[in-house]
């Protein structure tokens, strides 16, 4: 497996650990609907939480949040609606 894939899996693992420590129940990982993949679906109380994990070793190419554009958000919304 490519190094960037391993880095991504490590980032998701850390995100899940963080969420669980903070009282979130993990419902799904890597939920796929059409062209969209939701990295983590979690619940806390009455809230359904969608988590997109972006793991980077540096911000040389931008901040992680810069890589979640309007198109990606639309895909995530369609996927969570299906869920």
C-alpha atoms as a PDB file:
ATOM      1  CA  UNK A   1       0.000   0.000   0.000  1.00  0.00           C
ATOM      2  CA  UNK A   2       1.272   3.484  -0.800  1.00  0.00           C
ATOM      3  CA  UNK A   3       2.636   5.614   2.033  1.00  0.00           C
ATOM      4  CA  UNK A   4      -0.086   8.247   1.593  1.00  0.00           C
ATOM      5  CA  UNK A   5      -2.763   5.557   2.032  1.00  0.00           C
ATOM      6  CA  UNK A   6      -1.135   4.413   5.261  1.00  0.00           C
ATOM      7  CA  UNK A   7      -0.975   8.021   6.460  1.00  0.00           C
ATOM      8  CA  UNK A   8      -4.685   8.423   5.701  1.00  0.00           C
ATOM      9  CA  UNK A   9      -5.582   5.261   7.613  1.00  0.00           C
ATOM     10  CA  UNK A  10      -3.516   6.460  10.574  1.00  0.00           C
ATOM     11  CA  UNK A  11      -5.318   9.818  10.468  1.00  0.00           C
ATOM     12  CA  UNK A  12      -8.716   8.101  10.509  1.00  0.00           C
ATOM     13  CA  UNK A  13      -7.632   5.884  13.401  1.00  0.00           C
ATOM     14  CA  UNK A  14      -6.540   8.930  15.417  1.00  0.00           C
ATOM     15  CA  UNK A  15      -9.790  10.735  14.593  1.00  0.00           C
ATOM     16  CA  UNK A  16     -11.835   7.749  15.789  1.00  0.00           C
ATOM     17  CA  UNK A  17      -9.829   7.518  19.020  1.00  0.00           C
ATOM     18  CA  UNK A  18     -10.361  11.232  19.625  1.00  0.00           C
ATOM     19  CA  UNK A  19     -14.097  11.016  18.976  1.00  0.00           C
ATOM     20  CA  UNK A  20     -14.537   7.986  21.215  1.00  0.00           C
ATOM     21  CA  UNK A  21     -12.591   9.635  24.066  1.00  0.00           C
ATOM     22  CA  UNK A  22     -14.961  12.571  23.761  1.00  0.00           C
ATOM     23  CA  UNK A  23     -18.150  10.538  24.013  1.00  0.00           C
ATOM     24  CA  UNK A  24     -18.996   9.945  20.347  1.00  0.00           C
ATOM     25  CA  UNK A  25     -20.355   6.588  19.205  1.00  0.00           C
ATOM     26  CA  UNK A  26     -18.837   5.500  15.893  1.00  0.00           C
ATOM     27  CA  UNK A  27     -21.637   4.232  13.634  1.00  0.00           C
ATOM     28  CA  UNK A  28     -19.811   3.720  10.317  1.00  0.00           C
ATOM     29  CA  UNK A  29     -16.405   4.006   8.744  1.00  0.00           C
ATOM     30  CA  UNK A  30     -15.805   4.548   5.036  1.00  0.00           C
ATOM     31  CA  UNK A  31     -19.497   4.616   4.121  1.00  0.00           C
ATOM     32  CA  UNK A  32     -19.811   4.720   0.327  1.00  0.00           C
ATOM     33  CA  UNK A  33     -22.738   6.001  -1.725  1.00  0.00           C
ATOM     34  CA  UNK A  34     -22.271   6.551  -5.457  1.00  0.00           C
ATOM     35  CA  UNK A  35     -19.123   8.698  -5.813  1.00  0.00           C
ATOM     36  CA  UNK A  36     -19.013   9.808  -2.184  1.00  0.00           C
ATOM     37  CA  UNK A  37     -17.223   8.255   0.751  1.00  0.00           C
ATOM     38  CA  UNK A  38     -17.821   9.427   4.301  1.00  0.00           C
ATOM     39  CA  UNK A  39     -14.790   8.661   6.415  1.00  0.00           C
ATOM     40  CA  UNK A  40     -16.618   8.523   9.752  1.00  0.00           C
ATOM     41  CA  UNK A  41     -20.253   8.723  10.780  1.00  0.00           C
ATOM     42  CA  UNK A  42     -20.693   9.198  14.504  1.00  0.00           C
ATOM     43  CA  UNK A  43     -23.404  10.042  16.997  1.00  0.00           C
ATOM     44  CA  UNK A  44     -23.400  12.014  20.206  1.00  0.00           C
ATOM     45  CA  UNK A  45     -26.698  12.461  21.976  1.00  0.00           C
ATOM     46  CA  UNK A  46     -29.186  13.603  19.297  1.00  0.00           C
ATOM     47  CA  UNK A  47     -26.485  14.679  16.817  1.00  0.00           C
ATOM     48  CA  UNK A  48     -25.394  12.766  13.736  1.00  0.00           C
ATOM     49  CA  UNK A  49     -21.826  13.745  12.905  1.00  0.00           C
ATOM     50  CA  UNK A  50     -20.125  13.440   9.495  1.00  0.00           C
ATOM     51  CA  UNK A  51     -16.323  13.506   9.639  1.00  0.00           C
ATOM     52  CA  UNK A  52     -14.073  14.004   6.625  1.00  0.00           C
ATOM     53  CA  UNK A  53     -10.494  13.217   7.640  1.00  0.00           C
ATOM     54  CA  UNK A  54      -7.653  14.973   5.837  1.00  0.00           C
ATOM     55  CA  UNK A  55      -4.253  13.898   7.120  1.00  0.00           C
ATOM     56  CA  UNK A  56      -1.208  15.882   6.078  1.00  0.00           C
ATOM     57  CA  UNK A  57       2.437  15.815   7.128  1.00  0.00           C
ATOM     58  CA  UNK A  58       2.708  19.569   6.556  1.00  0.00           C
ATOM     59  CA  UNK A  59       0.726  22.542   5.340  1.00  0.00           C
ATOM     60  CA  UNK A  60       3.103  23.165   2.412  1.00  0.00           C
ATOM     61  CA  UNK A  61       0.258  22.577  -0.053  1.00  0.00           C
ATOM     62  CA  UNK A  62      -2.467  24.175   2.058  1.00  0.00           C
ATOM     63  CA  UNK A  63      -4.570  23.434   5.091  1.00  0.00           C
ATOM     64  CA  UNK A  64      -6.652  20.241   5.184  1.00  0.00           C
ATOM     65  CA  UNK A  65      -9.924  22.178   5.162  1.00  0.00           C
ATOM     66  CA  UNK A  66      -8.916  23.760   1.854  1.00  0.00           C
ATOM     67  CA  UNK A  67      -9.379  20.367   0.202  1.00  0.00           C
ATOM     68  CA  UNK A  68     -13.071  20.032   1.072  1.00  0.00           C
ATOM     69  CA  UNK A  69     -14.689  22.091  -1.654  1.00  0.00           C
ATOM     70  CA  UNK A  70     -18.354  22.694  -2.535  1.00  0.00           C
ATOM     71  CA  UNK A  71     -18.425  19.664  -4.826  1.00  0.00           C
ATOM     72  CA  UNK A  72     -17.128  17.407  -2.041  1.00  0.00           C
ATOM     73  CA  UNK A  73     -19.657  18.841   0.401  1.00  0.00           C
ATOM     74  CA  UNK A  74     -22.505  18.144  -2.066  1.00  0.00           C
ATOM     75  CA  UNK A  75     -21.338  14.539  -2.397  1.00  0.00           C
ATOM     76  CA  UNK A  76     -21.133  14.160   1.383  1.00  0.00           C
ATOM     77  CA  UNK A  77     -24.645  15.582   1.808  1.00  0.00           C
ATOM     78  CA  UNK A  78     -26.040  13.116  -0.765  1.00  0.00           C
ATOM     79  CA  UNK A  79     -24.291  10.246   0.984  1.00  0.00           C
ATOM     80  CA  UNK A  80     -25.506  11.173   4.459  1.00  0.00           C
ATOM     81  CA  UNK A  81     -29.038  11.649   3.113  1.00  0.00           C
ATOM     82  CA  UNK A  82     -28.837   8.085   1.790  1.00  0.00           C
ATOM     83  CA  UNK A  83     -27.485   6.848   5.120  1.00  0.00           C
END
